[in-house]
Amino acid sequence: MIPPPLAVVPWISNAALFAVIGVVVFIAFVAVARTTSAIAVKAMQRREMRADRAVIAGRALTFILIGLGAVIAIAVGIGSQNVAIAGIVLATIVASFGVQDVLKDYVSGYYVLFERHIKVGDQISIDSFSGEVMEIKLRVTLLRSQSGNQVVVPNSVLFHQPVTIHEKPAAKGPSSAPPA
């Protein structure tokens, strides 16, 4: 009797061997995910990123790597590449829906900054918000309302909806007075 081609020990079947390899692959991905996450969080904190944002980004990285590891481990355990491809395609679709609004804000931010219709110091009104433009960032524009509150407006709103830019009154000086 000839043992199965992949079996290290003759009484272990190929299916069992693939299952063990799948578990080992998953454990390796968990270890790599935790290590990578810790390194990424420390790097973000060195760059003076807020601690809560760094922790959230680290957890997201861990979740993504463990999810990828689970898909690959299942594919190895079953012995089929179709599972891995389907998992990666599904993860890509989910991620694209998740970042759709953020990407829309960034692309709109490029146009808002490039076209320069709105500048820092302008008084603008959009929907029910109005105020002075304090800062224009790539993803959002910060307004200071009449009551002193800060309003964060996503750039996609500025790009896709009508914005009223209030003109500043012209300064009256001696040259602007009508002749007597």
Protein backbone atom coordinates (compact mmCIF):
# COMPACT_ATOMS: atom_id res chain seq x y z
CA MET A 1 0.00 0.00 0.00
CA ILE A 2 1.35 3.42 -1.01
CA PRO A 3 0.84 6.24 1.55
CA PRO A 4 -0.92 9.46 0.44
CA PRO A 5 1.52 11.76 -1.36
CA LEU A 6 1.39 14.65 1.12
CA ALA A 7 1.16 12.67 4.34
CA VAL A 8 4.13 12.93 6.62
CA VAL A 9 2.79 10.10 8.71
CA PRO A 10 1.08 7.31 6.75
CA TRP A 11 -2.10 7.28 8.86
CA ILE A 12 -2.85 11.02 8.26
CA SER A 13 -4.99 11.71 5.22
CA ASN A 14 -4.54 14.62 2.82
CA ALA A 15 -7.72 16.29 4.13
CA ALA A 16 -6.48 16.18 7.72
CA LEU A 17 -3.07 17.50 6.66
CA PHE A 18 -4.69 20.41 4.79
CA ALA A 19 -6.86 21.16 7.84
CA VAL A 20 -3.79 21.26 10.11
CA ILE A 21 -1.95 23.50 7.65
CA GLY A 22 -5.02 25.78 7.52
CA VAL A 23 -5.04 26.11 11.33
CA VAL A 24 -1.31 26.87 11.34
CA VAL A 25 -1.80 29.50 8.63
CA PHE A 26 -4.60 31.12 10.65
CA ILE A 27 -2.52 31.19 13.84
CA ALA A 28 0.36 32.73 11.88
CA PHE A 29 -1.95 35.44 10.51
CA VAL A 30 -3.24 36.22 14.02
CA ALA A 31 0.33 36.59 15.32
CA VAL A 32 1.37 38.74 12.36
CA ALA A 33 -1.80 40.86 12.68
CA ARG A 34 -1.20 41.63 16.34
CA THR A 35 2.47 42.41 15.81
CA THR A 36 1.81 44.57 12.77
CA SER A 37 -0.97 46.40 14.58
CA ALA A 38 1.25 47.18 17.56
CA ILE A 39 4.01 48.49 15.28
CA ALA A 40 1.53 50.60 13.30
CA VAL A 41 -0.03 52.11 16.45
CA LYS A 42 3.42 53.07 17.80
CA ALA A 43 4.34 54.62 14.45
CA MET A 44 1.11 56.62 14.35
CA GLN A 45 1.65 57.85 17.91
CA ARG A 46 5.22 58.91 17.02
CA ARG A 47 3.69 60.99 14.24
CA GLU A 48 1.51 62.63 16.93
CA MET A 49 -1.74 61.12 15.75
CA ARG A 50 -4.46 61.22 18.39
CA ALA A 51 -4.29 58.12 20.59
CA ASP A 52 -7.91 57.09 19.99
CA ARG A 53 -7.52 57.29 16.22
CA ALA A 54 -4.29 55.29 16.36
CA VAL A 55 -5.99 52.56 18.41
CA ILE A 56 -8.96 52.43 16.02
CA ALA A 57 -6.64 52.21 13.00
CA GLY A 58 -4.66 49.45 14.74
CA ARG A 59 -7.82 47.49 15.48
CA ALA A 60 -9.00 47.89 11.89
CA LEU A 61 -5.65 46.62 10.62
CA THR A 62 -5.86 43.64 12.99
CA PHE A 63 -9.41 42.85 11.86
CA ILE A 64 -8.46 43.03 8.19
CA LEU A 65 -5.40 40.81 8.56
CA ILE A 66 -7.23 38.22 10.70
CA GLY A 67 -10.11 38.20 8.20
CA LEU A 68 -7.68 37.69 5.34
CA GLY A 69 -5.97 34.94 7.33
CA ALA A 70 -9.32 33.22 7.96
CA VAL A 71 -10.17 33.24 4.27
CA ILE A 72 -6.76 31.88 3.30
CA ALA A 73 -6.85 29.28 6.11
CA ILE A 74 -10.26 28.05 4.96
CA ALA A 75 -9.01 27.90 1.36
CA VAL A 76 -5.97 25.86 2.44
CA GLY A 77 -8.06 23.67 4.74
CA ILE A 78 -10.54 22.86 2.01
CA GLY A 79 -7.86 22.69 -0.65
CA SER A 80 -9.55 25.13 -3.00
CA GLN A 81 -8.34 28.48 -4.27
CA ASN A 82 -11.89 29.50 -5.14
CA VAL A 83 -12.66 30.20 -1.50
CA ALA A 84 -9.70 32.57 -1.21
CA ILE A 85 -10.61 34.39 -4.41
CA ALA A 86 -14.26 34.71 -3.36
CA GLY A 87 -13.22 36.00 0.08
CA ILE A 88 -10.86 38.58 -1.35
CA VAL A 89 -13.48 39.77 -3.85
CA LEU A 90 -16.08 40.04 -1.08
CA ALA A 91 -13.67 41.95 1.15
CA THR A 92 -12.87 44.33 -1.71
CA ILE A 93 -16.55 45.02 -2.35
CA VAL A 94 -17.26 45.63 1.34
CA ALA A 95 -14.22 47.92 1.65
CA SER A 96 -15.20 49.91 -1.43
CA PHE A 97 -18.66 50.60 0.00
CA GLY A 98 -17.10 51.52 3.33
CA VAL A 99 -14.71 54.13 1.96
CA GLN A 100 -16.95 55.49 -0.77
CA ASP A 101 -18.00 58.64 1.13
CA VAL A 102 -14.48 59.33 2.38
CA LEU A 103 -13.07 59.08 -1.13
CA LYS A 104 -15.86 61.31 -2.42
CA ASP A 105 -14.91 63.93 0.20
CA TYR A 106 -11.21 63.76 -0.73
CA VAL A 107 -11.83 64.05 -4.48
CA SER A 108 -14.23 66.94 -3.86
CA GLY A 109 -11.59 68.52 -1.62
CA TYR A 110 -9.10 68.50 -4.47
CA TYR A 111 -11.56 70.42 -6.63
CA VAL A 112 -12.52 72.85 -3.85
CA LEU A 113 -8.84 73.63 -3.21
CA PHE A 114 -7.95 73.68 -6.92
CA GLU A 115 -10.78 75.94 -8.11
CA ARG A 116 -10.44 78.32 -5.12
CA HIS A 117 -14.02 79.61 -5.26
CA ILE A 118 -14.05 79.58 -1.47
CA LYS A 119 -11.19 81.10 0.52
CA VAL A 120 -10.34 81.34 4.20
CA GLY A 121 -12.17 84.35 5.63
CA ASP A 122 -15.17 84.15 3.26
CA GLN A 123 -18.66 84.23 4.71
CA ILE A 124 -20.64 81.36 3.16
CA SER A 125 -24.07 79.79 3.49
CA ILE A 126 -24.95 76.22 2.55
CA ASP A 127 -28.26 74.54 3.39
CA SER A 128 -28.98 75.58 6.97
CA PHE A 129 -25.33 76.36 7.82
CA SER A 130 -23.60 79.68 7.51
CA GLY A 131 -20.41 81.09 8.84
CA GLU A 132 -16.87 82.23 8.17
CA VAL A 133 -14.47 79.79 6.52
CA MET A 134 -11.74 79.13 9.09
CA GLU A 135 -9.82 76.36 7.32
CA ILE A 136 -10.10 74.32 4.14
CA LYS A 137 -8.71 70.83 4.49
CA LEU A 138 -8.57 68.06 1.94
CA ARG A 139 -11.61 66.20 3.34
CA VAL A 140 -13.56 68.89 5.23
CA THR A 141 -13.98 72.65 5.50
CA LEU A 142 -14.24 74.25 8.93
CA LEU A 143 -16.69 77.12 9.45
CA ARG A 144 -17.16 79.42 12.46
CA SER A 145 -20.88 80.13 12.90
CA GLN A 146 -22.33 83.47 14.06
CA SER A 147 -22.73 82.01 17.57
CA GLY A 148 -19.06 80.98 17.65
CA ASN A 149 -19.59 77.27 17.10
CA GLN A 150 -17.35 75.32 14.75
CA VAL A 151 -19.16 73.61 11.88
CA VAL A 152 -17.43 70.78 10.00
CA VAL A 153 -18.69 70.56 6.42
CA PRO A 154 -17.60 67.63 4.23
CA ASN A 155 -16.14 68.90 0.96
CA SER A 156 -18.53 66.71 -1.04
CA VAL A 157 -21.36 68.89 0.31
CA LEU A 158 -19.56 72.04 -0.86
CA PHE A 159 -18.95 70.44 -4.24
CA HIS A 160 -22.42 69.02 -4.92
CA GLN A 161 -24.73 71.65 -3.39
CA PRO A 162 -25.17 75.35 -4.04
CA VAL A 163 -22.99 77.54 -1.82
CA THR A 164 -23.66 81.25 -1.28
CA ILE A 165 -20.51 83.31 -0.86
CA HIS A 166 -21.46 86.58 0.84
CA GLU A 167 -19.63 89.61 -0.53
CA LYS A 168 -17.89 91.83 1.96
CA PRO A 169 -19.11 95.42 1.88
CA ALA A 170 -16.69 97.78 0.17
CA ALA A 171 -14.84 100.07 2.53
CA LYS A 172 -16.06 103.67 2.27
CA GLY A 173 -13.29 106.15 2.10
CA PRO A 174 -12.75 109.69 0.81
CA SER A 175 -12.47 108.50 -2.82
CA SER A 176 -15.81 106.71 -2.72
CA ALA A 177 -17.83 109.77 -1.70
CA PRO A 178 -19.88 111.36 -4.49
CA PRO A 179 -18.67 114.75 -5.69
CA ALA A 180 -20.40 117.72 -4.07
